[in-house]
C-alpha atoms as a PDB file:
ATOM      1  CA  MET A   1      -7.548  -2.768 -37.719  1.00  0.00           C
ATOM      2  CA  ASN A   2      -3.301  -2.314 -37.342  1.00  0.00           C
ATOM      3  CA  PRO A   3      -2.035   1.391 -37.171  1.00  0.00           C
ATOM      4  CA  ALA A   4      -0.180   1.318 -40.726  1.00  0.00           C
ATOM      5  CA  THR A   5      -3.673   0.462 -42.440  1.00  0.00           C
ATOM      6  CA  LYS A   6      -5.789   3.178 -39.894  1.00  0.00           C
ATOM      7  CA  GLN A   7      -3.382   5.827 -40.708  1.00  0.00           C
ATOM      8  CA  TYR A   8      -3.610   5.518 -44.829  1.00  0.00           C
ATOM      9  CA  LEU A   9      -7.582   5.603 -44.117  1.00  0.00           C
ATOM     10  CA  LYS A  10      -6.982   8.808 -42.050  1.00  0.00           C
ATOM     11  CA  GLU A  11      -4.475  10.494 -44.918  1.00  0.00           C
ATOM     12  CA  HIS A  12      -5.900   8.855 -48.138  1.00  0.00           C
ATOM     13  CA  GLY A  13      -9.651   7.577 -47.230  1.00  0.00           C
ATOM     14  CA  PRO A  14     -12.983   9.615 -48.083  1.00  0.00           C
ATOM     15  CA  VAL A  15     -13.482  12.323 -45.484  1.00  0.00           C
ATOM     16  CA  ARG A  16     -17.379  10.115 -45.004  1.00  0.00           C
ATOM     17  CA  LEU A  17     -15.646   6.876 -44.534  1.00  0.00           C
ATOM     18  CA  VAL A  18     -13.316   8.112 -42.221  1.00  0.00           C
ATOM     19  CA  ALA A  19     -15.992   9.891 -39.885  1.00  0.00           C
ATOM     20  CA  LEU A  20     -17.975   6.759 -39.791  1.00  0.00           C
ATOM     21  CA  TYR A  21     -15.166   4.424 -38.764  1.00  0.00           C
ATOM     22  CA  ARG A  22     -14.461   7.123 -36.065  1.00  0.00           C
ATOM     23  CA  LEU A  23     -18.580   7.214 -35.183  1.00  0.00           C
ATOM     24  CA  PHE A  24     -18.240   3.421 -34.929  1.00  0.00           C
ATOM     25  CA  ALA A  25     -14.850   3.156 -32.830  1.00  0.00           C
ATOM     26  CA  ASN A  26     -16.436   5.277 -29.875  1.00  0.00           C
ATOM     27  CA  SER A  27     -19.589   3.787 -30.190  1.00  0.00           C
ATOM     28  CA  TYR A  28     -21.805   1.722 -27.366  1.00  0.00           C
ATOM     29  CA  PRO A  29     -20.849  -1.794 -28.699  1.00  0.00           C
ATOM     30  CA  ALA A  30     -17.199  -0.780 -28.725  1.00  0.00           C
ATOM     31  CA  LEU A  31     -17.249   0.601 -25.000  1.00  0.00           C
ATOM     32  CA  ARG A  32     -19.028  -2.966 -24.097  1.00  0.00           C
ATOM     33  CA  HIS A  33     -16.672  -4.976 -25.503  1.00  0.00           C
ATOM     34  CA  SER A  34     -13.959  -3.289 -24.206  1.00  0.00           C
ATOM     35  CA  ALA A  35     -15.378  -3.076 -20.982  1.00  0.00           C
ATOM     36  CA  LEU A  36     -15.972  -7.053 -20.851  1.00  0.00           C
ATOM     37  CA  LYS A  37     -12.716  -7.595 -22.041  1.00  0.00           C
ATOM     38  CA  GLN A  38     -11.371  -6.152 -19.058  1.00  0.00           C
ATOM     39  CA  ALA A  39     -13.781  -7.754 -17.109  1.00  0.00           C
ATOM     40  CA  ARG A  40     -13.104 -11.179 -18.130  1.00  0.00           C
ATOM     41  CA  ARG A  41      -9.548 -10.523 -17.057  1.00  0.00           C
ATOM     42  CA  PHE A  42     -10.555  -9.526 -13.497  1.00  0.00           C
ATOM     43  CA  GLU A  43     -12.717 -12.745 -13.230  1.00  0.00           C
ATOM     44  CA  HIS A  44      -9.732 -14.923 -14.161  1.00  0.00           C
ATOM     45  CA  ASN A  45      -7.492 -13.557 -12.092  1.00  0.00           C
ATOM     46  CA  TYR A  46     -10.218 -13.134  -9.344  1.00  0.00           C
ATOM     47  CA  SER A  47     -12.307 -16.748  -8.908  1.00  0.00           C
ATOM     48  CA  LYS A  48      -8.926 -18.490  -9.742  1.00  0.00           C
ATOM     49  CA  PRO A  49      -6.390 -17.469  -7.363  1.00  0.00           C
ATOM     50  CA  SER A  50      -4.552 -20.808  -7.702  1.00  0.00           C
ATOM     51  CA  SER A  51      -3.287 -20.164 -11.102  1.00  0.00           C
ATOM     52  CA  LYS A  52      -1.309 -17.144 -10.084  1.00  0.00           C
ATOM     53  CA  GLY A  53       0.138 -19.005  -6.315  1.00  0.00           C
ATOM     54  CA  ALA A  54       2.292 -17.231  -4.735  1.00  0.00           C
ATOM     55  CA  ASP A  55       0.980 -13.876  -5.630  1.00  0.00           C
ATOM     56  CA  GLN A  56      -2.330 -14.484  -5.222  1.00  0.00           C
ATOM     57  CA  VAL A  57      -1.751 -16.017  -1.306  1.00  0.00           C
ATOM     58  CA  ARG A  58       0.648 -13.675  -0.844  1.00  0.00           C
ATOM     59  CA  ALA A  59      -2.031 -10.621  -1.322  1.00  0.00           C
ATOM     60  CA  ARG A  60      -4.540 -12.082   0.839  1.00  0.00           C
ATOM     61  CA  LEU A  61      -1.859 -12.548   3.558  1.00  0.00           C
ATOM     62  CA  ILE A  62      -1.356  -8.749   3.376  1.00  0.00           C
ATOM     63  CA  PHE A  63      -4.974  -7.898   3.679  1.00  0.00           C
ATOM     64  CA  TYR A  64      -5.225  -9.966   6.395  1.00  0.00           C
ATOM     65  CA  THR A  65      -2.211  -8.966   8.198  1.00  0.00           C
ATOM     66  CA  HIS A  66      -3.459  -5.208   7.440  1.00  0.00           C
ATOM     67  CA  GLN A  67      -6.626  -5.885   9.703  1.00  0.00           C
ATOM     68  CA  ILE A  68      -4.825  -7.054  12.482  1.00  0.00           C
ATOM     69  CA  GLU A  69      -2.325  -3.595  12.027  1.00  0.00           C
ATOM     70  CA  LYS A  70      -5.628  -1.968  12.294  1.00  0.00           C
ATOM     71  CA  GLY A  71      -7.025  -3.395  15.404  1.00  0.00           C
ATOM     72  CA  LEU A  72      -3.213  -3.101  17.302  1.00  0.00           C
ATOM     73  CA  SER A  73      -3.424   0.462  16.359  1.00  0.00           C
ATOM     74  CA  HIS A  74      -6.973   1.298  18.017  1.00  0.00           C
ATOM     75  CA  THR A  75      -6.784   3.405  20.413  1.00  0.00           C
ATOM     76  CA  HIS A  76      -9.762   1.753  22.754  1.00  0.00           C
ATOM     77  CA  PHE A  77      -7.932  -1.532  22.202  1.00  0.00           C
ATOM     78  CA  ARG A  78     -10.243  -4.667  22.168  1.00  0.00           C
ATOM     79  CA  TYR A  79      -8.565  -7.853  23.958  1.00  0.00           C
ATOM     80  CA  GLY A  80      -9.176 -10.491  22.032  1.00  0.00           C
ATOM     81  CA  PHE A  81     -10.327  -9.442  18.420  1.00  0.00           C
ATOM     82  CA  GLY A  82      -9.751 -10.252  15.310  1.00  0.00           C
ATOM     83  CA  LYS A  83     -10.628 -13.753  15.309  1.00  0.00           C
ATOM     84  CA  ARG A  84     -11.696 -14.197  11.447  1.00  0.00           C
ATOM     85  CA  PRO A  85      -8.887 -12.246  10.105  1.00  0.00           C
ATOM     86  CA  LEU A  86      -6.672 -13.977  12.643  1.00  0.00           C
ATOM     87  CA  ALA A  87      -8.145 -17.854  11.270  1.00  0.00           C
ATOM     88  CA  SER A  88      -8.104 -16.440   7.629  1.00  0.00           C
ATOM     89  CA  LEU A  89      -4.122 -14.962   8.054  1.00  0.00           C
ATOM     90  CA  ALA A  90      -3.355 -19.040   9.795  1.00  0.00           C
ATOM     91  CA  GLN A  91      -4.979 -20.664   6.477  1.00  0.00           C
ATOM     92  CA  LYS A  92      -3.054 -17.921   4.151  1.00  0.00           C
ATOM     93  CA  MET A  93       0.435 -18.215   5.644  1.00  0.00           C
ATOM     94  CA  GLU A  94       0.502 -22.104   5.802  1.00  0.00           C
ATOM     95  CA  MET A  95      -0.220 -21.781   1.947  1.00  0.00           C
ATOM     96  CA  TYR A  96       2.151 -19.425   1.524  1.00  0.00           C
ATOM     97  CA  ARG A  97       4.535 -21.893   3.731  1.00  0.00           C
ATOM     98  CA  LYS A  98       4.102 -24.324   1.036  1.00  0.00           C
ATOM     99  CA  VAL A  99       4.618 -22.084  -2.805  1.00  0.00           C
ATOM    100  CA  VAL A 100       7.209 -20.007  -1.363  1.00  0.00           C
ATOM    101  CA  PRO A 101      10.413 -22.410  -0.108  1.00  0.00           C
ATOM    102  CA  ASP A 102      12.496 -19.118   1.202  1.00  0.00           C
ATOM    103  CA  TYR A 103       9.488 -17.772   2.912  1.00  0.00           C
ATOM    104  CA  LEU A 104      11.202 -16.484   6.268  1.00  0.00           C
ATOM    105  CA  SER A 105      13.353 -14.222   3.738  1.00  0.00           C
ATOM    106  CA  ASP A 106       9.881 -13.095   2.591  1.00  0.00           C
ATOM    107  CA  GLN A 107       9.187  -9.787   3.890  1.00  0.00           C
ATOM    108  CA  SER A 108       5.444  -9.945   3.581  1.00  0.00           C
ATOM    109  CA  TYR A 109       5.480 -12.910   5.472  1.00  0.00           C
ATOM    110  CA  CYS A 110       7.960 -11.543   7.979  1.00  0.00           C
ATOM    111  CA  SER A 111       5.195  -8.541   8.503  1.00  0.00           C
ATOM    112  CA  ALA A 112       2.379 -10.998   9.355  1.00  0.00           C
ATOM    113  CA  LEU A 113       4.455 -12.711  12.029  1.00  0.00           C
ATOM    114  CA  ALA A 114       5.853  -9.222  13.074  1.00  0.00           C
ATOM    115  CA  ALA A 115       1.580  -8.335  13.418  1.00  0.00           C
ATOM    116  CA  LEU A 116       1.002 -11.425  15.163  1.00  0.00           C
ATOM    117  CA  HIS A 117       4.259 -11.350  17.433  1.00  0.00           C
ATOM    118  CA  GLU A 118       2.480  -7.397  19.015  1.00  0.00           C
ATOM    119  CA  TYR A 119      -0.733  -8.933  19.150  1.00  0.00           C
ATOM    120  CA  VAL A 120       0.628 -12.111  21.760  1.00  0.00           C
ATOM    121  CA  VAL A 121       2.830 -10.026  23.566  1.00  0.00           C
ATOM    122  CA  ARG A 122      -0.310  -7.039  23.875  1.00  0.00           C
ATOM    123  CA  HIS A 123      -2.168  -9.921  24.965  1.00  0.00           C
ATOM    124  CA  ASP A 124      -0.160 -11.087  27.630  1.00  0.00           C
ATOM    125  CA  GLY A 125      -2.189 -12.064  30.805  1.00  0.00           C
ATOM    126  CA  HIS A 126      -5.177 -12.861  28.521  1.00  0.00           C
ATOM    127  CA  LYS A 127      -5.206 -16.753  28.707  1.00  0.00           C
ATOM    128  CA  GLU A 128      -8.392 -17.455  26.728  1.00  0.00           C
ATOM    129  CA  ALA A 129      -7.152 -15.140  23.815  1.00  0.00           C
ATOM    130  CA  LEU A 130      -3.681 -16.632  23.450  1.00  0.00           C
ATOM    131  CA  GLN A 131      -4.833 -19.723  23.549  1.00  0.00           C
ATOM    132  CA  TYR A 132      -7.404 -19.309  20.270  1.00  0.00           C
ATOM    133  CA  VAL A 133      -4.864 -17.714  18.808  1.00  0.00           C
ATOM    134  CA  LYS A 134      -2.328 -20.610  19.595  1.00  0.00           C
ATOM    135  CA  GLY A 135      -5.050 -23.388  18.346  1.00  0.00           C
ATOM    136  CA  LEU A 136      -4.856 -21.744  14.987  1.00  0.00           C
ATOM    137  CA  PHE A 137      -1.700 -21.851  14.280  1.00  0.00           C
ATOM    138  CA  ALA A 138       0.848 -25.130  13.882  1.00  0.00           C
ATOM    139  CA  GLU A 139       3.819 -25.432  16.204  1.00  0.00           C
ATOM    140  CA  GLY A 140       6.159 -24.307  13.736  1.00  0.00           C
ATOM    141  CA  THR A 141       4.913 -21.647  12.957  1.00  0.00           C
ATOM    142  CA  TRP A 142       3.803 -20.454  16.600  1.00  0.00           C
ATOM    143  CA  LEU A 143       7.628 -20.449  17.219  1.00  0.00           C
ATOM    144  CA  GLU A 144       8.207 -18.389  14.501  1.00  0.00           C
ATOM    145  CA  ILE A 145       5.638 -15.718  16.035  1.00  0.00           C
ATOM    146  CA  GLN A 146       7.258 -15.799  19.168  1.00  0.00           C
ATOM    147  CA  ALA A 147      10.853 -15.615  17.736  1.00  0.00           C
ATOM    148  CA  GLN A 148       9.750 -12.395  15.414  1.00  0.00           C
ATOM    149  CA  GLN A 149      10.803  -8.930  16.709  1.00  0.00           C
ATOM    150  CA  SER A 150      11.314  -6.998  13.367  1.00  0.00           C
ATOM    151  CA  ASN A 151       9.520  -3.814  12.973  1.00  0.00           C
ATOM    152  CA  LEU A 152       8.309  -4.887   9.622  1.00  0.00           C
ATOM    153  CA  GLY A 153       4.382  -5.329  11.192  1.00  0.00           C
ATOM    154  CA  GLY A 154       2.542  -4.109  13.473  1.00  0.00           C
ATOM    155  CA  SER A 155       1.358  -0.804  15.000  1.00  0.00           C
ATOM    156  CA  THR A 156       3.545   2.244  15.025  1.00  0.00           C
ATOM    157  CA  VAL A 157       3.435   5.637  17.417  1.00  0.00           C
ATOM    158  CA  ILE A 158       3.072   9.152  15.698  1.00  0.00           C
ATOM    159  CA  GLU A 159       3.555  12.195  17.568  1.00  0.00           C
ATOM    160  CA  ARG A 160       2.046  15.455  16.596  1.00  0.00           C
ATOM    161  CA  SER A 161       5.051  17.209  17.577  1.00  0.00           C
ATOM    162  CA  SER A 162       7.052  15.593  14.706  1.00  0.00           C
ATOM    163  CA  LYS A 163       4.566  17.066  12.699  1.00  0.00           C
ATOM    164  CA  ALA A 164       4.933  20.585  13.600  1.00  0.00           C
ATOM    165  CA  ASN A 165       7.801  21.361  10.523  1.00  0.00           C
ATOM    166  CA  ASN A 166       6.457  19.335   7.642  1.00  0.00           C
ATOM    167  CA  ALA A 167       5.979  22.537   5.511  1.00  0.00           C
ATOM    168  CA  ASN A 168       9.608  22.486   5.189  1.00  0.00           C
ATOM    169  CA  LEU A 169      11.017  19.228   4.512  1.00  0.00           C
ATOM    170  CA  PRO A 170      11.979  17.808   1.924  1.00  0.00           C
ATOM    171  CA  PHE A 171       9.565  15.400  -0.742  1.00  0.00           C
ATOM    172  CA  LYS A 172      11.532  12.075   0.408  1.00  0.00           C
ATOM    173  CA  GLU A 173      11.513  13.123   3.846  1.00  0.00           C
ATOM    174  CA  LEU A 174       7.604  14.033   4.118  1.00  0.00           C
ATOM    175  CA  ALA A 175       6.333  11.031   1.770  1.00  0.00           C
ATOM    176  CA  GLU A 176       8.563   8.590   3.906  1.00  0.00           C
ATOM    177  CA  ASN A 177       7.002   9.674   7.220  1.00  0.00           C
ATOM    178  CA  ARG A 178       3.455   9.577   5.924  1.00  0.00           C
ATOM    179  CA  HIS A 179       0.999   7.494   7.527  1.00  0.00           C
ATOM    180  CA  SER A 180      -2.547   7.090   7.216  1.00  0.00           C
ATOM    181  CA  ILE A 181      -3.870   8.097  10.428  1.00  0.00           C
ATOM    182  CA  ARG A 182      -7.872   6.596  11.717  1.00  0.00           C
ATOM    183  CA  GLU A 183      -8.169   8.959  14.440  1.00  0.00           C
ATOM    184  CA  TYR A 184      -7.742  12.872  15.119  1.00  0.00           C
ATOM    185  CA  ALA A 185      -8.256  15.390  17.929  1.00  0.00           C
ATOM    186  CA  ASP A 186     -10.978  16.605  19.323  1.00  0.00           C
ATOM    187  CA  GLN A 187     -10.787  19.742  17.108  1.00  0.00           C
ATOM    188  CA  PRO A 188     -12.061  20.820  13.883  1.00  0.00           C
ATOM    189  CA  VAL A 189     -11.002  21.885  10.615  1.00  0.00           C
ATOM    190  CA  THR A 190     -11.532  24.723   8.749  1.00  0.00           C
ATOM    191  CA  TYR A 191     -11.945  24.738   5.173  1.00  0.00           C
ATOM    192  CA  LYS A 192      -9.253  27.494   4.786  1.00  0.00           C
ATOM    193  CA  GLU A 193      -6.758  25.244   6.477  1.00  0.00           C
ATOM    194  CA  LEU A 194      -7.917  22.843   3.512  1.00  0.00           C
ATOM    195  CA  LEU A 195      -7.813  24.819   0.500  1.00  0.00           C
ATOM    196  CA  PRO A 196      -3.886  24.809   0.445  1.00  0.00           C
ATOM    197  CA  ALA A 197      -3.505  21.441   0.489  1.00  0.00           C
ATOM    198  CA  ILE A 198      -6.020  21.471  -2.250  1.00  0.00           C
ATOM    199  CA  GLN A 199      -4.372  24.430  -4.526  1.00  0.00           C
ATOM    200  CA  LEU A 200      -1.643  22.786  -3.770  1.00  0.00           C
ATOM    201  CA  ALA A 201      -2.783  19.104  -5.539  1.00  0.00           C
ATOM    202  CA  MET A 202      -4.203  21.138  -8.124  1.00  0.00           C
ATOM    203  CA  ARG A 203      -1.043  20.987  -9.507  1.00  0.00           C
ATOM    204  CA  THR A 204      -1.399  16.479 -10.383  1.00  0.00           C
ATOM    205  CA  PRO A 205      -0.660  16.212 -13.985  1.00  0.00           C
ATOM    206  CA  THR A 206      -4.163  14.837 -16.155  1.00  0.00           C
ATOM    207  CA  VAL A 207      -4.627  13.379 -19.293  1.00  0.00           C
ATOM    208  CA  CYS A 208      -4.278  16.222 -22.104  1.00  0.00           C
ATOM    209  CA  ASN A 209      -4.705  18.469 -18.837  1.00  0.00           C
ATOM    210  CA  ARG A 210      -8.304  18.350 -18.936  1.00  0.00           C
ATOM    211  CA  GLN A 211      -8.069  17.970 -15.271  1.00  0.00           C
ATOM    212  CA  PRO A 212     -11.315  15.800 -14.508  1.00  0.00           C
ATOM    213  CA  ALA A 213     -10.926  15.369 -10.589  1.00  0.00           C
ATOM    214  CA  ARG A 214     -13.917  16.456  -8.613  1.00  0.00           C
ATOM    215  CA  LEU A 215     -13.765  17.479  -4.418  1.00  0.00           C
ATOM    216  CA  ARG A 216     -16.833  17.259  -2.161  1.00  0.00           C
ATOM    217  CA  ILE A 217     -15.986  18.883   1.054  1.00  0.00           C
ATOM    218  CA  ILE A 218     -17.928  17.543   3.898  1.00  0.00           C
ATOM    219  CA  LEU A 219     -17.747  19.231   6.924  1.00  0.00           C
ATOM    220  CA  ASN A 220     -21.642  18.127   8.066  1.00  0.00           C
ATOM    221  CA  PRO A 221     -20.891  15.476  11.020  1.00  0.00           C
ATOM    222  CA  GLU A 222     -24.657  13.890   9.976  1.00  0.00           C
ATOM    223  CA  LEU A 223     -23.867  13.789   6.738  1.00  0.00           C
ATOM    224  CA  ILE A 224     -20.118  12.550   7.513  1.00  0.00           C
ATOM    225  CA  THR A 225     -22.017  10.003   9.633  1.00  0.00           C
ATOM    226  CA  LYS A 226     -24.623   8.734   6.961  1.00  0.00           C
ATOM    227  CA  ALA A 227     -21.768   8.424   4.194  1.00  0.00           C
ATOM    228  CA  LEU A 228     -19.215   6.508   6.054  1.00  0.00           C
ATOM    229  CA  ASN A 229     -22.135   4.098   7.513  1.00  0.00           C
ATOM    230  CA  ILE A 230     -23.081   3.371   3.853  1.00  0.00           C
ATOM    231  CA  GLN A 231     -19.057   2.444   2.854  1.00  0.00           C
ATOM    232  CA  GLY A 232     -18.937   0.916   5.828  1.00  0.00           C
ATOM    233  CA  GLY A 233     -14.896   0.790   6.341  1.00  0.00           C
ATOM    234  CA  PHE A 234     -14.534   2.928   8.819  1.00  0.00           C
ATOM    235  CA  ASN A 235     -16.343   0.814  11.705  1.00  0.00           C
ATOM    236  CA  GLY A 236     -14.884   1.041  15.384  1.00  0.00           C
ATOM    237  CA  TYR A 237     -14.025   4.973  15.042  1.00  0.00           C
ATOM    238  CA  LYS A 238     -15.051   8.492  15.743  1.00  0.00           C
ATOM    239  CA  ILE A 239     -16.305  10.249  12.504  1.00  0.00           C
ATOM    240  CA  PRO A 240     -13.394  12.189  11.735  1.00  0.00           C
ATOM    241  CA  PRO A 241     -14.207  16.424  11.465  1.00  0.00           C
ATOM    242  CA  VAL A 242     -13.806  16.186   7.558  1.00  0.00           C
ATOM    243  CA  LEU A 243     -14.638  13.886   4.739  1.00  0.00           C
ATOM    244  CA  LEU A 244     -13.658  14.657   1.258  1.00  0.00           C
ATOM    245  CA  LEU A 245     -14.755  12.982  -1.538  1.00  0.00           C
ATOM    246  CA  ILE A 246     -12.586  12.650  -4.920  1.00  0.00           C
ATOM    247  CA  THR A 247     -14.532  12.020  -7.787  1.00  0.00           C
ATOM    248  CA  ALA A 248     -14.064  11.429 -11.804  1.00  0.00           C
ATOM    249  CA  ASP A 249     -16.389  13.601 -14.269  1.00  0.00           C
ATOM    250  CA  ASN A 250     -16.607  11.337 -17.332  1.00  0.00           C
ATOM    251  CA  THR A 251     -17.497  14.142 -19.668  1.00  0.00           C
ATOM    252  CA  ALA A 252     -13.426  15.125 -19.725  1.00  0.00           C
ATOM    253  CA  PHE A 253     -13.321  12.071 -21.722  1.00  0.00           C
ATOM    254  CA  MET A 254     -13.929  11.288 -25.606  1.00  0.00           C
ATOM    255  CA  ALA A 255     -13.839   7.471 -26.613  1.00  0.00           C
ATOM    256  CA  PRO A 256     -14.353   4.357 -24.927  1.00  0.00           C
ATOM    257  CA  GLN A 257     -10.505   4.083 -24.132  1.00  0.00           C
ATOM    258  CA  GLU A 258     -10.547   6.166 -21.960  1.00  0.00           C
ATOM    259  CA  ARG A 259     -13.142   5.050 -19.899  1.00  0.00           C
ATOM    260  CA  ASN A 260     -10.704   4.249 -16.792  1.00  0.00           C
ATOM    261  CA  GLU A 261      -8.825   7.352 -17.185  1.00  0.00           C
ATOM    262  CA  GLY A 262     -10.978   8.997 -14.669  1.00  0.00           C
ATOM    263  CA  PHE A 263     -10.022   6.752 -11.755  1.00  0.00           C
ATOM    264  CA  THR A 264      -6.221   7.113 -13.356  1.00  0.00           C
ATOM    265  CA  ASP A 265      -6.167  10.852 -12.934  1.00  0.00           C
ATOM    266  CA  GLY A 266      -8.434  10.847  -9.785  1.00  0.00           C
ATOM    267  CA  GLY A 267      -6.382   8.702  -7.921  1.00  0.00           C
ATOM    268  CA  LEU A 268      -3.093  10.727  -9.288  1.00  0.00           C
ATOM    269  CA  PHE A 269      -4.982  13.446  -7.311  1.00  0.00           C
ATOM    270  CA  GLY A 270      -5.844  11.781  -4.448  1.00  0.00           C
ATOM    271  CA  MET A 271      -2.431  10.876  -4.103  1.00  0.00           C
ATOM    272  CA  SER A 272      -1.126  14.648  -4.305  1.00  0.00           C
ATOM    273  CA  LEU A 273      -3.992  15.718  -2.563  1.00  0.00           C
ATOM    274  CA  LEU A 274      -2.929  13.145   0.879  1.00  0.00           C
ATOM    275  CA  LEU A 275       0.874  14.532   0.278  1.00  0.00           C
ATOM    276  CA  SER A 276      -0.302  18.319   0.891  1.00  0.00           C
ATOM    277  CA  LEU A 277      -2.637  17.661   3.401  1.00  0.00           C
ATOM    278  CA  GLU A 278       0.583  15.823   5.350  1.00  0.00           C
ATOM    279  CA  ARG A 279       2.581  18.977   4.482  1.00  0.00           C
ATOM    280  CA  GLU A 280      -0.198  21.394   6.169  1.00  0.00           C
ATOM    281  CA  GLY A 281       0.388  19.244   9.313  1.00  0.00           C
ATOM    282  CA  LEU A 282      -3.257  17.590   9.009  1.00  0.00           C
ATOM    283  CA  ALA A 283      -3.846  13.942   9.292  1.00  0.00           C
ATOM    284  CA  ALA A 284      -5.658  11.861   6.874  1.00  0.00           C
ATOM    285  CA  CYS A 285      -6.498   8.559   5.751  1.00  0.00           C
ATOM    286  CA  PRO A 286      -7.566   7.124   2.145  1.00  0.00           C
ATOM    287  CA  LEU A 287     -10.796   4.684   1.632  1.00  0.00           C
ATOM    288  CA  ASN A 288     -12.344   3.027  -0.834  1.00  0.00           C
ATOM    289  CA  THR A 289     -15.269   3.694  -2.579  1.00  0.00           C
ATOM    290  CA  MET A 290     -15.232   0.222  -4.508  1.00  0.00           C
ATOM    291  CA  MET A 291     -19.006  -0.377  -3.003  1.00  0.00           C
ATOM    292  CA  LYS A 292     -22.048  -2.349  -4.623  1.00  0.00           C
ATOM    293  CA  GLU A 293     -24.998  -1.291  -6.570  1.00  0.00           C
ATOM    294  CA  GLY A 294     -27.470  -0.311  -3.457  1.00  0.00           C
ATOM    295  CA  PRO A 295     -24.580   1.585  -1.362  1.00  0.00           C
ATOM    296  CA  GLU A 296     -23.553   3.549  -4.242  1.00  0.00           C
ATOM    297  CA  LYS A 297     -27.040   4.497  -5.606  1.00  0.00           C
ATOM    298  CA  ALA A 298     -27.376   5.338  -1.726  1.00  0.00           C
ATOM    299  CA  THR A 299     -24.160   7.411  -1.339  1.00  0.00           C
ATOM    300  CA  ARG A 300     -24.939   9.401  -5.402  1.00  0.00           C
ATOM    301  CA  LYS A 301     -27.950  10.134  -3.568  1.00  0.00           C
ATOM    302  CA  LEU A 302     -26.745  11.546  -0.449  1.00  0.00           C
ATOM    303  CA  LEU A 303     -24.263  13.348  -1.357  1.00  0.00           C
ATOM    304  CA  ASN A 304     -25.987  14.133  -4.920  1.00  0.00           C
ATOM    305  CA  ILE A 305     -23.431  12.472  -7.417  1.00  0.00           C
ATOM    306  CA  PRO A 306     -23.796  13.024 -11.120  1.00  0.00           C
ATOM    307  CA  ASP A 307     -24.522  10.260 -13.242  1.00  0.00           C
ATOM    308  CA  GLN A 308     -21.238  11.031 -15.264  1.00  0.00           C
ATOM    309  CA  GLU A 309     -19.175  11.261 -12.446  1.00  0.00           C
ATOM    310  CA  ASN A 310     -16.889   7.871 -10.572  1.00  0.00           C
ATOM    311  CA  MET A 311     -16.816   8.426  -7.008  1.00  0.00           C
ATOM    312  CA  VAL A 312     -12.456   7.423  -6.863  1.00  0.00           C
ATOM    313  CA  MET A 313     -12.118   7.706  -2.745  1.00  0.00           C
ATOM    314  CA  TYR A 314     -12.786   9.434   0.347  1.00  0.00           C
ATOM    315  CA  ILE A 315     -10.400  11.225   2.250  1.00  0.00           C
ATOM    316  CA  ALA A 316     -10.259  11.545   6.046  1.00  0.00           C
ATOM    317  CA  VAL A 317      -9.575  14.489   7.618  1.00  0.00           C
ATOM    318  CA  GLY A 318      -8.311  15.775  10.682  1.00  0.00           C
ATOM    319  CA  HIS A 319      -5.686  17.094  13.047  1.00  0.00           C
ATOM    320  CA  PHE A 320      -2.802  14.789  14.824  1.00  0.00           C
ATOM    321  CA  PRO A 321      -3.633  13.995  18.150  1.00  0.00           C
ATOM    322  CA  ASP A 322      -1.326  14.491  20.932  1.00  0.00           C
ATOM    323  CA  THR A 323      -0.371  10.882  20.494  1.00  0.00           C
ATOM    324  CA  VAL A 324      -1.727   8.099  17.932  1.00  0.00           C
ATOM    325  CA  LYS A 325      -0.915   4.634  16.904  1.00  0.00           C
ATOM    326  CA  THR A 326      -1.230   3.476  13.475  1.00  0.00           C
ATOM    327  CA  CYS A 327      -0.390   0.591  11.172  1.00  0.00           C
ATOM    328  CA  VAL A 328       3.066   0.045   9.985  1.00  0.00           C
ATOM    329  CA  SER A 329       1.963  -1.282   6.553  1.00  0.00           C
ATOM    330  CA  HIS A 330       4.814  -3.128   5.470  1.00  0.00           C
ATOM    331  CA  ARG A 331       5.841  -1.388   1.576  1.00  0.00           C
ATOM    332  CA  PHE A 332       7.562  -4.320  -0.719  1.00  0.00           C
ATOM    333  CA  ASN A 333      11.186  -2.701  -2.164  1.00  0.00           C
ATOM    334  CA  ALA A 334      11.113  -1.127  -5.240  1.00  0.00           C
ATOM    335  CA  GLU A 335      13.572  -4.239  -6.946  1.00  0.00           C
ATOM    336  CA  ASP A 336      10.468  -6.768  -6.086  1.00  0.00           C
ATOM    337  CA  ILE A 337       8.079  -5.164  -8.473  1.00  0.00           C
ATOM    338  CA  LEU A 338      10.341  -4.239 -11.175  1.00  0.00           C
ATOM    339  CA  LYS A 339      11.187  -5.692 -14.639  1.00  0.00           C
ATOM    340  CA  VAL A 340      14.081  -3.772 -16.383  1.00  0.00           C
ATOM    341  CA  LEU A 341      13.460  -4.154 -20.024  1.00  0.00           C
ATOM    342  CA  GLN A 342      16.491  -3.613 -22.459  1.00  0.00           C
END
């Protein structure tokens, strides 16, 4: 139904007819239709990556680069780590070279080269690991890896002392200096330390001010361990002093077209909270809650999450250690993602 017809019915149609239309528009079949349409749109892009050419290849290239960066930033560095992501990265880089003619001027590709360059440098003297890596790449790519010495990829060092004045930094500086930190000082984080950041994050805008975000603060180490074991994305690290869980309460929404609004509003709240934690001098790392049915069910039971709440993200929180490494995580330039409509 076009907008003009809908507006006419609202203004001139019988009250009962308008009520029936609204009932149908907000019904379960309408929700199901919208969800299936969205699922088909995602499936087309996910199952046929070749249809999107360079964009899909680049997404995978970035994914595997980040896996290497996490290994490079680990305090307990493990020589020879990452054989699977290295092999996958080699494959995606070769594909990228074929679909992007000027790949050497592409920062995503150069970020992969920089991460691999650090991998090679860090493995100096470990002949077996270097032979394995060299065997994955074509000779030309191997020369590119050896020559790439930029700061576009790999690991970077964060000093705790650099965070001492965070509360007084202008927003630009605070945002530019925030990194996801996965390893923390052996120092508890208290509810009192968290509360100012949470209170500041409450200024996050939401649709019609409905404020669907809900927050669980998990301080119990045993509960944190169980939750992260189910989540599966924090393996290899000590458990954080605090684990936050952001959910979105769907009772704040009223129609099928709002079915995903909780993720939007919850994500906005999550970013506000991450920056607020940074302002308070606390280290943090967002962790996804995109779980399959079994892990999601186990998490809901463990943390007593009611069915009307969607899980949006975890955030691991702790105090900065004196020195810690983290991923460079190179970002696109703003102009890389822009379309200006005039």
